[in-house]
Structure formats: C-alpha cells, structure tokens
Amino acid sequence: MTTAPLRKDAARNWDRIVAVARDLVDQGTGLQLNDVARRAGLGVGTVYRHFATPEALLETVATPCLEDLAAHGRDALADADSWSALKSFLSCIVEAQITDAALAPVAAAATDALPRTTELKESLAAVGTELLGRAREAATVRPGLAAADLVPLMCGVAHAVNVHGGTTADRIDTAHRYLATLLEGMHAPSPNA
C-alpha cells in the first residue's frame, strides 16, 4: 500500500514534529504529544493527525537507525568470513544503542505501533540468526550460544556502558571494549588449541 505524498505545509509540520521529538528523546524526555505540539509551535490536532500515539512518533524517530542497521545487516550477510560478519553486525548494533536513545525502547517494545517498525525488527532478528548460524556452521562461535541470546547480550553491553557514563565518544570506546571482551568469550577456541 502506498500513501499519497504530503502537501508541502503538512510535510514541514511532519518534519518539525519529528525534529522536536528527536530532541526530546536525545534529552531523555518522554514523548507526550501535547508537549511535542507546544514545543513545535503547532496545534495538538496537527500532531495527532500525523502520529496517533507517542509510540508511533518514537518509532518514527527510531526508523532511520533501524534502517541503517538493516542495511548494515545486509552488508554483513555478503561477507564470506562468518566470524567477521557477526562481529561487525554486533558492533554496529551496540554502537547504535549507545548513540540513538530511541533505539532501546523501540527494540524492547513487545508490540509495535507501525508496520514498518515490525518489518525492520523482524529483518534484524533474521539477520542476527543467520549470521550466528553461519558462524556456528564454521565452528567460529561456541555451540551453546543461541540466537535468542544475542539481543540480551547486546542490551547488557549497552546497559553496562550507560552505567559507566561519560561523553558519547567515551561511551562508544567503552562499548567496543566491552563488546570485544564478550566476543572473545563467544569465539570458539581453535581445534588445534
């Protein structure tokens, strides 16, 4: 199903709403549509016409990050080195969790407000499962690791980094350091070791 393009004024309002929401999310402020309308200088009805719920608006804010992760996942699937592909994908996931405050609550939500969000989340889960399966087939990852373990492990790294604190650059460095330690534990020992 395709939707008609927005009129120019409606498109400007949509952009303004999403920009205000992005700022609020980045500040750690929960999204309330009435507050977004006030900060955007728009009527509440205008915001509700574009976004029926705060969850729909939050998912819209997170969509570019989810799309970037999906694209990275497709690239990782093209990598013939299964261990390198898995490491690269997980690194990208953890870094996105650190740099985009909208990602974690959208990823953790049990239900989605927008079909596109569901599609992207399912795509990411499928990529993670396939990458792990390939690494398992190549015997480069410990056999006991299940695809269902990946999300909690990545969330654990992100949570540990957020507890650690610091600037965004510091947190990204810390995330990569923690992830490297986790990956070392996930990596299957060489059969000759």
N, C-alpha and C. Protein backbone atom coordinates (compact mmCIF):
# COMPACT_ATOMS: atom_id res chain seq x y z
N MET A 1 0.83 -1.17 0.00
CA MET A 1 0.00 0.00 0.00
C MET A 1 0.88 1.24 0.00
N THR A 2 0.64 2.16 -0.90
CA THR A 2 1.40 3.40 -0.95
C THR A 2 0.53 4.52 -0.41
N THR A 3 1.19 5.50 0.12
CA THR A 3 0.46 6.66 0.63
C THR A 3 0.77 7.85 -0.26
N ALA A 4 -0.20 8.73 -0.35
CA ALA A 4 -0.01 9.93 -1.16
C ALA A 4 1.02 10.83 -0.49
N PRO A 5 1.83 11.53 -1.27
CA PRO A 5 2.80 12.44 -0.67
C PRO A 5 2.07 13.56 0.09
N LEU A 6 2.72 14.02 1.14
CA LEU A 6 2.14 15.10 1.94
C LEU A 6 2.23 16.42 1.20
N ARG A 7 1.25 17.28 1.45
CA ARG A 7 1.34 18.66 0.95
C ARG A 7 2.58 19.29 1.59
N LYS A 8 3.07 20.37 0.98
CA LYS A 8 4.29 20.99 1.48
C LYS A 8 4.15 21.44 2.93
N ASP A 9 3.03 22.07 3.29
CA ASP A 9 2.86 22.53 4.67
C ASP A 9 2.75 21.34 5.63
N ALA A 10 2.07 20.28 5.21
CA ALA A 10 1.95 19.08 6.05
C ALA A 10 3.31 18.41 6.21
N ALA A 11 4.09 18.38 5.14
CA ALA A 11 5.43 17.80 5.20
C ALA A 11 6.33 18.60 6.14
N ARG A 12 6.22 19.93 6.09
CA ARG A 12 7.01 20.78 7.00
C ARG A 12 6.60 20.50 8.45
N ASN A 13 5.30 20.39 8.69
CA ASN A 13 4.82 20.10 10.05
C ASN A 13 5.33 18.74 10.52
N TRP A 14 5.27 17.73 9.63
CA TRP A 14 5.75 16.40 9.98
C TRP A 14 7.23 16.47 10.36
N ASP A 15 8.02 17.16 9.53
CA ASP A 15 9.45 17.30 9.81
C ASP A 15 9.68 18.01 11.14
N ARG A 16 8.91 19.04 11.41
CA ARG A 16 9.06 19.79 12.66
C ARG A 16 8.72 18.91 13.86
N ILE A 17 7.66 18.15 13.75
CA ILE A 17 7.25 17.26 14.84
C ILE A 17 8.34 16.23 15.13
N VAL A 18 8.86 15.61 14.07
CA VAL A 18 9.90 14.59 14.25
C VAL A 18 11.18 15.20 14.81
N ALA A 19 11.53 16.41 14.37
CA ALA A 19 12.73 17.07 14.89
C ALA A 19 12.59 17.38 16.38
N VAL A 20 11.44 17.87 16.79
CA VAL A 20 11.20 18.15 18.21
C VAL A 20 11.25 16.86 19.00
N ALA A 21 10.62 15.81 18.48
CA ALA A 21 10.63 14.52 19.17
C ALA A 21 12.05 13.98 19.28
N ARG A 22 12.83 14.12 18.21
CA ARG A 22 14.23 13.66 18.25
C ARG A 22 14.98 14.38 19.36
N ASP A 23 14.81 15.70 19.47
CA ASP A 23 15.48 16.47 20.52
C ASP A 23 15.05 15.99 21.91
N LEU A 24 13.76 15.76 22.09
CA LEU A 24 13.27 15.31 23.39
C LEU A 24 13.84 13.94 23.75
N VAL A 25 13.84 13.04 22.79
CA VAL A 25 14.38 11.70 23.04
C VAL A 25 15.86 11.79 23.39
N ASP A 26 16.60 12.61 22.66
CA ASP A 26 18.03 12.77 22.92
C ASP A 26 18.29 13.37 24.30
N GLN A 27 17.35 14.17 24.80
CA GLN A 27 17.48 14.75 26.14
C GLN A 27 17.02 13.80 27.23
N GLY A 28 16.45 12.66 26.83
CA GLY A 28 15.94 11.70 27.81
C GLY A 28 14.55 12.03 28.30
N THR A 29 13.84 12.88 27.59
CA THR A 29 12.49 13.28 27.97
C THR A 29 11.48 12.39 27.25
N GLY A 30 10.52 11.87 28.00
CA GLY A 30 9.48 11.04 27.39
C GLY A 30 8.63 11.85 26.43
N LEU A 31 8.10 11.18 25.43
CA LEU A 31 7.29 11.87 24.43
C LEU A 31 5.83 11.93 24.87
N GLN A 32 5.32 13.13 24.93
CA GLN A 32 3.89 13.38 25.14
C GLN A 32 3.46 14.27 23.98
N LEU A 33 2.46 13.84 23.25
CA LEU A 33 2.10 14.54 22.02
C LEU A 33 1.71 15.99 22.27
N ASN A 34 1.04 16.28 23.38
CA ASN A 34 0.69 17.67 23.69
C ASN A 34 1.94 18.53 23.89
N ASP A 35 2.94 17.97 24.55
CA ASP A 35 4.20 18.68 24.77
C ASP A 35 4.93 18.88 23.45
N VAL A 36 4.93 17.87 22.61
CA VAL A 36 5.57 17.98 21.30
C VAL A 36 4.90 19.08 20.49
N ALA A 37 3.57 19.13 20.51
CA ALA A 37 2.83 20.16 19.77
C ALA A 37 3.22 21.55 20.26
N ARG A 38 3.26 21.72 21.58
CA ARG A 38 3.62 23.03 22.15
C ARG A 38 5.03 23.43 21.73
N ARG A 39 5.97 22.52 21.86
CA ARG A 39 7.37 22.83 21.53
C ARG A 39 7.57 23.06 20.03
N ALA A 40 6.74 22.39 19.21
CA ALA A 40 6.84 22.56 17.76
C ALA A 40 6.08 23.78 17.27
N GLY A 41 5.31 24.41 18.16
CA GLY A 41 4.51 25.57 17.78
C GLY A 41 3.35 25.19 16.87
N LEU A 42 2.81 24.00 17.10
CA LEU A 42 1.71 23.50 16.27
C LEU A 42 0.52 23.17 17.15
N GLY A 43 -0.63 23.07 16.52
CA GLY A 43 -1.81 22.64 17.25
C GLY A 43 -1.73 21.16 17.58
N VAL A 44 -2.36 20.79 18.68
CA VAL A 44 -2.35 19.40 19.11
C VAL A 44 -2.97 18.51 18.03
N GLY A 45 -4.03 18.99 17.39
CA GLY A 45 -4.68 18.22 16.34
C GLY A 45 -3.74 17.90 15.18
N THR A 46 -2.85 18.84 14.87
CA THR A 46 -1.89 18.62 13.79
C THR A 46 -0.96 17.46 14.15
N VAL A 47 -0.49 17.43 15.37
CA VAL A 47 0.41 16.36 15.79
C VAL A 47 -0.34 15.02 15.77
N TYR A 48 -1.56 15.01 16.29
CA TYR A 48 -2.33 13.77 16.33
C TYR A 48 -2.71 13.28 14.93
N ARG A 49 -2.85 14.18 13.97
CA ARG A 49 -3.14 13.76 12.60
C ARG A 49 -1.95 12.99 12.01
N HIS A 50 -0.77 13.39 12.39
CA HIS A 50 0.43 12.72 11.89
C HIS A 50 0.78 11.48 12.70
N PHE A 51 0.61 11.55 14.01
CA PHE A 51 1.02 10.47 14.91
C PHE A 51 -0.07 10.23 15.94
N ALA A 52 -0.73 9.10 15.82
CA ALA A 52 -1.86 8.79 16.69
C ALA A 52 -1.44 8.54 18.14
N THR A 53 -0.20 8.09 18.33
CA THR A 53 0.27 7.76 19.67
C THR A 53 1.73 8.21 19.84
N PRO A 54 2.16 8.38 21.08
CA PRO A 54 3.58 8.67 21.31
C PRO A 54 4.48 7.54 20.80
N GLU A 55 3.99 6.31 20.86
CA GLU A 55 4.78 5.17 20.40
C GLU A 55 5.03 5.26 18.89
N ALA A 56 4.02 5.68 18.15
CA ALA A 56 4.19 5.84 16.70
C ALA A 56 5.23 6.91 16.40
N LEU A 57 5.21 7.98 17.17
CA LEU A 57 6.20 9.05 16.98
C LEU A 57 7.59 8.56 17.36
N LEU A 58 7.71 7.85 18.47
CA LEU A 58 9.01 7.32 18.89
C LEU A 58 9.56 6.36 17.84
N GLU A 59 8.71 5.50 17.31
CA GLU A 59 9.15 4.57 16.28
C GLU A 59 9.60 5.31 15.02
N THR A 60 8.92 6.40 14.69
CA THR A 60 9.32 7.20 13.54
C THR A 60 10.69 7.81 13.77
N VAL A 61 10.95 8.25 14.98
CA VAL A 61 12.26 8.81 15.33
C VAL A 61 13.34 7.72 15.21
N ALA A 62 13.00 6.50 15.59
CA ALA A 62 13.98 5.41 15.56
C ALA A 62 14.16 4.79 14.18
N THR A 63 13.24 5.04 13.26
CA THR A 63 13.27 4.36 11.95
C THR A 63 14.58 4.56 11.19
N PRO A 64 15.15 5.76 11.10
CA PRO A 64 16.43 5.87 10.35
C PRO A 64 17.52 4.97 10.93
N CYS A 65 17.59 4.87 12.24
CA CYS A 65 18.59 4.00 12.86
C CYS A 65 18.31 2.54 12.52
N LEU A 66 17.06 2.12 12.63
CA LEU A 66 16.69 0.75 12.30
C LEU A 66 17.00 0.44 10.83
N GLU A 67 16.73 1.40 9.96
CA GLU A 67 17.02 1.20 8.53
C GLU A 67 18.52 1.09 8.28
N ASP A 68 19.31 1.91 8.99
CA ASP A 68 20.77 1.82 8.86
C ASP A 68 21.28 0.46 9.34
N LEU A 69 20.71 -0.02 10.45
CA LEU A 69 21.12 -1.33 10.97
C LEU A 69 20.74 -2.45 9.99
N ALA A 70 19.56 -2.34 9.40
CA ALA A 70 19.13 -3.34 8.42
C ALA A 70 20.07 -3.35 7.21
N ALA A 71 20.47 -2.17 6.76
CA ALA A 71 21.41 -2.07 5.63
C ALA A 71 22.76 -2.68 6.02
N HIS A 72 23.20 -2.40 7.24
CA HIS A 72 24.46 -2.98 7.70
C HIS A 72 24.34 -4.51 7.77
N GLY A 73 23.18 -4.97 8.21
CA GLY A 73 22.96 -6.41 8.26
C GLY A 73 23.05 -7.06 6.89
N ARG A 74 22.47 -6.40 5.88
CA ARG A 74 22.56 -6.93 4.51
C ARG A 74 24.02 -6.98 4.05
N ASP A 75 24.78 -5.94 4.40
CA ASP A 75 26.21 -5.93 4.05
C ASP A 75 26.95 -7.06 4.77
N ALA A 76 26.61 -7.27 6.04
CA ALA A 76 27.27 -8.32 6.81
C ALA A 76 26.99 -9.70 6.20
N LEU A 77 25.78 -9.90 5.72
CA LEU A 77 25.44 -11.18 5.11
C LEU A 77 26.26 -11.45 3.84
N ALA A 78 26.73 -10.39 3.21
CA ALA A 78 27.54 -10.53 1.99
C ALA A 78 29.00 -10.87 2.31
N ASP A 79 29.40 -10.74 3.57
CA ASP A 79 30.78 -11.03 3.98
C ASP A 79 30.97 -12.54 4.07
N ALA A 80 31.94 -13.06 3.36
CA ALA A 80 32.19 -14.51 3.35
C ALA A 80 32.78 -15.01 4.66
N ASP A 81 33.40 -14.12 5.43
CA ASP A 81 34.00 -14.50 6.72
C ASP A 81 32.91 -14.42 7.79
N SER A 82 32.39 -15.56 8.19
CA SER A 82 31.23 -15.59 9.09
C SER A 82 31.51 -14.95 10.44
N TRP A 83 32.70 -15.15 10.99
CA TRP A 83 33.02 -14.56 12.29
C TRP A 83 33.15 -13.04 12.17
N SER A 84 33.84 -12.59 11.15
CA SER A 84 33.99 -11.15 10.92
C SER A 84 32.62 -10.49 10.70
N ALA A 85 31.75 -11.15 9.95
CA ALA A 85 30.42 -10.60 9.68
C ALA A 85 29.61 -10.47 10.95
N LEU A 86 29.64 -11.50 11.79
CA LEU A 86 28.90 -11.45 13.06
C LEU A 86 29.45 -10.35 13.96
N LYS A 87 30.77 -10.28 14.08
CA LYS A 87 31.39 -9.24 14.92
C LYS A 87 31.01 -7.85 14.43
N SER A 88 31.08 -7.64 13.13
CA SER A 88 30.76 -6.33 12.55
C SER A 88 29.31 -5.95 12.83
N PHE A 89 28.40 -6.88 12.63
CA PHE A 89 26.98 -6.62 12.86
C PHE A 89 26.71 -6.29 14.33
N LEU A 90 27.26 -7.08 15.24
CA LEU A 90 27.04 -6.84 16.67
C LEU A 90 27.66 -5.52 17.11
N SER A 91 28.79 -5.18 16.54
CA SER A 91 29.44 -3.90 16.85
C SER A 91 28.55 -2.74 16.43
N CYS A 92 27.98 -2.86 15.27
CA CYS A 92 27.08 -1.82 14.77
C CYS A 92 25.84 -1.70 15.66
N ILE A 93 25.30 -2.82 16.09
CA ILE A 93 24.12 -2.83 16.97
C ILE A 93 24.44 -2.12 18.28
N VAL A 94 25.54 -2.49 18.89
CA VAL A 94 25.90 -1.89 20.19
C VAL A 94 26.15 -0.39 20.05
N GLU A 95 26.86 -0.01 19.01
CA GLU A 95 27.14 1.42 18.81
C GLU A 95 25.84 2.20 18.60
N ALA A 96 24.90 1.62 17.86
CA ALA A 96 23.61 2.29 17.65
C ALA A 96 22.86 2.44 18.97
N GLN A 97 22.93 1.44 19.83
CA GLN A 97 22.27 1.53 21.13
C GLN A 97 22.85 2.66 21.97
N ILE A 98 24.12 2.91 21.81
CA ILE A 98 24.79 3.96 22.59
C ILE A 98 24.48 5.34 22.02
N THR A 99 24.37 5.44 20.71
CA THR A 99 24.25 6.76 20.08
C THR A 99 22.83 7.19 19.77
N ASP A 100 21.86 6.26 19.77
CA ASP A 100 20.48 6.63 19.45
C ASP A 100 19.56 6.23 20.59
N ALA A 101 19.13 7.20 21.36
CA ALA A 101 18.30 6.96 22.53
C ALA A 101 16.93 6.39 22.19
N ALA A 102 16.51 6.51 20.94
CA ALA A 102 15.20 5.97 20.55
C ALA A 102 15.25 4.47 20.31
N LEU A 103 16.42 3.93 20.06
CA LEU A 103 16.53 2.53 19.66
C LEU A 103 16.12 1.56 20.77
N ALA A 104 16.65 1.71 21.95
CA ALA A 104 16.40 0.73 23.01
C ALA A 104 14.92 0.58 23.35
N PRO A 105 14.18 1.67 23.58
CA PRO A 105 12.77 1.46 23.92
C PRO A 105 11.95 0.89 22.76
N VAL A 106 12.31 1.24 21.55
CA VAL A 106 11.59 0.68 20.39
C VAL A 106 11.92 -0.80 20.24
N ALA A 107 13.18 -1.15 20.39
CA ALA A 107 13.59 -2.55 20.26
C ALA A 107 12.98 -3.41 21.37
N ALA A 108 12.82 -2.84 22.55
CA ALA A 108 12.31 -3.59 23.70
C ALA A 108 10.79 -3.70 23.73
N ALA A 109 10.10 -2.89 22.95
CA ALA A 109 8.64 -2.90 22.98
C ALA A 109 8.09 -4.24 22.50
N ALA A 110 7.12 -4.75 23.24
CA ALA A 110 6.52 -6.04 22.89
C ALA A 110 5.64 -5.93 21.65
N THR A 111 5.04 -4.78 21.44
CA THR A 111 4.21 -4.55 20.25
C THR A 111 4.66 -3.26 19.59
N ASP A 112 4.40 -3.17 18.31
CA ASP A 112 4.81 -2.01 17.54
C ASP A 112 3.58 -1.23 17.08
N ALA A 113 3.73 0.07 17.01
CA ALA A 113 2.64 0.94 16.54
C ALA A 113 2.62 1.00 15.01
N LEU A 114 3.77 0.82 14.40
CA LEU A 114 3.88 0.96 12.94
C LEU A 114 4.33 -0.35 12.30
N PRO A 115 3.70 -0.73 11.19
CA PRO A 115 4.12 -1.95 10.49
C PRO A 115 5.59 -1.91 10.06
N ARG A 116 6.08 -0.73 9.67
CA ARG A 116 7.47 -0.62 9.24
C ARG A 116 8.43 -1.00 10.37
N THR A 117 8.09 -0.65 11.60
CA THR A 117 8.92 -0.99 12.75
C THR A 117 8.99 -2.50 12.89
N THR A 118 7.85 -3.15 12.80
CA THR A 118 7.81 -4.61 12.91
C THR A 118 8.66 -5.25 11.82
N GLU A 119 8.51 -4.74 10.60
CA GLU A 119 9.28 -5.26 9.47
C GLU A 119 10.78 -5.13 9.71
N LEU A 120 11.22 -3.98 10.19
CA LEU A 120 12.65 -3.76 10.42
C LEU A 120 13.16 -4.62 11.57
N LYS A 121 12.40 -4.72 12.64
CA LYS A 121 12.82 -5.54 13.78
C LYS A 121 12.91 -7.01 13.39
N GLU A 122 11.95 -7.48 12.60
CA GLU A 122 12.00 -8.88 12.14
C GLU A 122 13.19 -9.10 11.22
N SER A 123 13.49 -8.13 10.38
CA SER A 123 14.64 -8.23 9.48
C SER A 123 15.93 -8.33 10.28
N LEU A 124 16.07 -7.49 11.29
CA LEU A 124 17.28 -7.51 12.12
C LEU A 124 17.42 -8.83 12.87
N ALA A 125 16.32 -9.33 13.39
CA ALA A 125 16.37 -10.62 14.10
C ALA A 125 16.77 -11.74 13.14
N ALA A 126 16.23 -11.71 11.94
CA ALA A 126 16.57 -12.74 10.95
C ALA A 126 18.05 -12.67 10.56
N VAL A 127 18.57 -11.46 10.40
CA VAL A 127 19.98 -11.30 10.06
C VAL A 127 20.85 -11.84 11.19
N GLY A 128 20.53 -11.45 12.43
CA GLY A 128 21.31 -11.94 13.56
C GLY A 128 21.30 -13.46 13.65
N THR A 129 20.13 -14.05 13.43
CA THR A 129 20.01 -15.51 13.46
C THR A 129 20.84 -16.15 12.35
N GLU A 130 20.77 -15.58 11.15
CA GLU A 130 21.53 -16.15 10.03
C GLU A 130 23.03 -16.00 10.25
N LEU A 131 23.45 -14.83 10.72
CA LEU A 131 24.89 -14.62 10.96
C LEU A 131 25.41 -15.56 12.03
N LEU A 132 24.64 -15.74 13.08
CA LEU A 132 25.06 -16.67 14.14
C LEU A 132 25.09 -18.10 13.61
N GLY A 133 24.08 -18.46 12.82
CA GLY A 133 24.06 -19.80 12.24
C GLY A 133 25.26 -20.06 11.35
N ARG A 134 25.62 -19.08 10.55
CA ARG A 134 26.80 -19.22 9.69
C ARG A 134 28.07 -19.38 10.53
N ALA A 135 28.18 -18.58 11.59
CA ALA A 135 29.36 -18.69 12.45
C ALA A 135 29.39 -20.03 13.17
N ARG A 136 28.22 -20.53 13.55
CA ARG A 136 28.16 -21.84 14.20
C ARG A 136 28.58 -22.93 13.21
N GLU A 137 28.08 -22.85 11.96
CA GLU A 137 28.47 -23.83 10.94
C GLU A 137 29.96 -23.82 10.68
N ALA A 138 30.58 -22.64 10.76
CA ALA A 138 32.02 -22.52 10.54
C ALA A 138 32.82 -22.85 11.80
N ALA A 139 32.09 -23.19 12.87
CA ALA A 139 32.71 -23.53 14.16
C ALA A 139 33.57 -22.40 14.71
N THR A 140 33.13 -21.15 14.45
CA THR A 140 33.87 -20.00 14.97
C THR A 140 33.21 -19.39 16.20
N VAL A 141 32.05 -19.94 16.57
CA VAL A 141 31.35 -19.45 17.75
C VAL A 141 31.00 -20.65 18.62
N ARG A 142 30.97 -20.44 19.90
CA ARG A 142 30.67 -21.54 20.82
C ARG A 142 29.30 -22.13 20.49
N PRO A 143 29.20 -23.43 20.46
CA PRO A 143 27.96 -24.08 20.01
C PRO A 143 26.75 -23.81 20.91
N GLY A 144 26.94 -23.53 22.16
CA GLY A 144 25.81 -23.32 23.07
C GLY A 144 25.12 -21.98 22.94
N LEU A 145 25.69 -21.08 22.16
CA LEU A 145 25.11 -19.75 22.00
C LEU A 145 23.91 -19.81 21.07
N ALA A 146 22.76 -19.33 21.54
CA ALA A 146 21.53 -19.35 20.74
C ALA A 146 21.25 -17.96 20.19
N ALA A 147 20.51 -17.91 19.10
CA ALA A 147 20.14 -16.62 18.50
C ALA A 147 19.38 -15.76 19.51
N ALA A 148 18.57 -16.39 20.34
CA ALA A 148 17.79 -15.65 21.35
C ALA A 148 18.70 -14.99 22.39
N ASP A 149 19.96 -15.41 22.48
CA ASP A 149 20.91 -14.82 23.42
C ASP A 149 21.47 -13.49 22.94
N LEU A 150 21.44 -13.24 21.64
CA LEU A 150 22.11 -12.06 21.09
C LEU A 150 21.53 -10.75 21.60
N VAL A 151 20.21 -10.61 21.58
CA VAL A 151 19.59 -9.34 22.00
C VAL A 151 19.89 -9.05 23.47
N PRO A 152 19.67 -10.01 24.40
CA PRO A 152 20.01 -9.70 25.79
C PRO A 152 21.49 -9.38 26.01
N LEU A 153 22.36 -10.07 25.27
CA LEU A 153 23.79 -9.78 25.41
C LEU A 153 24.13 -8.37 24.94
N MET A 154 23.57 -7.96 23.80
CA MET A 154 23.84 -6.61 23.29
C MET A 154 23.23 -5.55 24.22
N CYS A 155 22.04 -5.83 24.73
CA CYS A 155 21.42 -4.90 25.68
C CYS A 155 22.24 -4.81 26.97
N GLY A 156 22.81 -5.95 27.38
CA GLY A 156 23.66 -5.96 28.57
C GLY A 156 24.89 -5.09 28.39
N VAL A 157 25.51 -5.19 27.23
CA VAL A 157 26.68 -4.34 26.95
C VAL A 157 26.27 -2.88 26.97
N ALA A 158 25.18 -2.55 26.30
CA ALA A 158 24.72 -1.15 26.25
C ALA A 158 24.38 -0.64 27.65
N HIS A 159 23.73 -1.48 28.46
CA HIS A 159 23.39 -1.05 29.82
C HIS A 159 24.66 -0.81 30.64
N ALA A 160 25.61 -1.70 30.53
CA ALA A 160 26.87 -1.53 31.27
C ALA A 160 27.56 -0.24 30.86
N VAL A 161 27.54 0.07 29.57
CA VAL A 161 28.17 1.30 29.08
C VAL A 161 27.43 2.52 29.63
N ASN A 162 26.11 2.48 29.63
CA ASN A 162 25.34 3.61 30.13
C ASN A 162 25.57 3.83 31.63
N VAL A 163 25.76 2.74 32.37
CA VAL A 163 26.08 2.87 33.80
C VAL A 163 27.46 3.50 33.95
N HIS A 164 28.37 3.12 33.07
CA HIS A 164 29.74 3.66 33.10
C HIS A 164 29.74 5.16 32.84
N GLY A 165 28.88 5.61 31.92
CA GLY A 165 28.73 7.05 31.63
C GLY A 165 29.86 7.60 30.79
N GLY A 166 29.95 8.92 30.78
CA GLY A 166 30.97 9.63 30.01
C GLY A 166 30.39 10.29 28.77
N THR A 167 31.26 10.88 28.00
CA THR A 167 30.84 11.51 26.75
C THR A 167 30.42 10.43 25.76
N THR A 168 29.80 10.84 24.69
CA THR A 168 29.39 9.87 23.68
C THR A 168 30.61 9.12 23.14
N ALA A 169 31.68 9.84 22.87
CA ALA A 169 32.90 9.19 22.35
C ALA A 169 33.45 8.19 23.37
N ASP A 170 33.47 8.58 24.65
CA ASP A 170 33.94 7.67 25.70
C ASP A 170 33.05 6.43 25.77
N ARG A 171 31.75 6.64 25.68
CA ARG A 171 30.81 5.52 25.77
C ARG A 171 30.95 4.58 24.57
N ILE A 172 31.21 5.13 23.40
CA ILE A 172 31.42 4.29 22.22
C ILE A 172 32.69 3.46 22.39
N ASP A 173 33.77 4.10 22.87
CA ASP A 173 35.02 3.36 23.13
C ASP A 173 34.79 2.26 24.15
N THR A 174 34.08 2.59 25.22
CA THR A 174 33.79 1.60 26.26
C THR A 174 32.95 0.46 25.69
N ALA A 175 31.96 0.80 24.86
CA ALA A 175 31.11 -0.23 24.24
C ALA A 175 31.94 -1.19 23.40
N HIS A 176 32.86 -0.66 22.62
CA HIS A 176 33.69 -1.52 21.79
C HIS A 176 34.61 -2.40 22.65
N ARG A 177 35.10 -1.84 23.74
CA ARG A 177 35.95 -2.61 24.64
C ARG A 177 35.16 -3.75 25.31
N TYR A 178 33.95 -3.42 25.81
CA TYR A 178 33.11 -4.44 26.44
C TYR A 178 32.70 -5.50 25.42
N LEU A 179 32.34 -5.05 24.22
CA LEU A 179 31.92 -5.99 23.18
C LEU A 179 33.08 -6.91 22.80
N ALA A 180 34.28 -6.37 22.71
CA ALA A 180 35.45 -7.20 22.37
C ALA A 180 35.64 -8.30 23.42
N THR A 181 35.43 -7.97 24.68
CA THR A 181 35.54 -8.97 25.75
C THR A 181 34.46 -10.03 25.59
N LEU A 182 33.24 -9.59 25.32
CA LEU A 182 32.14 -10.53 25.11
C LEU A 182 32.41 -11.44 23.91
N LEU A 183 32.85 -10.83 22.82
CA LEU A 183 33.13 -11.61 21.61
C LEU A 183 34.24 -12.63 21.84
N GLU A 184 35.21 -12.27 22.63
CA GLU A 184 36.29 -13.21 22.95
C GLU A 184 35.72 -14.43 23.65
N GLY A 185 34.75 -14.20 24.53
CA GLY A 185 34.10 -15.32 25.22
C GLY A 185 33.20 -16.13 24.30
N MET A 186 32.61 -15.51 23.29
CA MET A 186 31.74 -16.19 22.34
C MET A 186 32.51 -17.00 21.32
N HIS A 187 33.75 -16.56 21.05
CA HIS A 187 34.54 -17.17 19.97
C HIS A 187 34.95 -18.58 20.37
N ALA A 188 34.72 -19.50 19.48
CA ALA A 188 35.10 -20.89 19.74
C ALA A 188 36.61 -21.03 19.68
N PRO A 189 37.18 -21.77 20.60
CA PRO A 189 38.62 -21.98 20.55
C PRO A 189 39.00 -22.78 19.30
N SER A 190 40.16 -22.51 18.81
CA SER A 190 40.65 -23.25 17.63
C SER A 190 40.78 -24.71 17.99
N PRO A 191 40.41 -25.60 17.07
CA PRO A 191 40.51 -27.05 17.37
C PRO A 191 41.94 -27.50 17.68
N ASN A 192 42.92 -26.72 17.22
CA ASN A 192 44.33 -27.07 17.48
C ASN A 192 44.85 -26.52 18.78
N ALA A 193 44.00 -25.74 19.49
CA ALA A 193 44.49 -25.10 20.73
C ALA A 193 44.51 -26.09 21.87
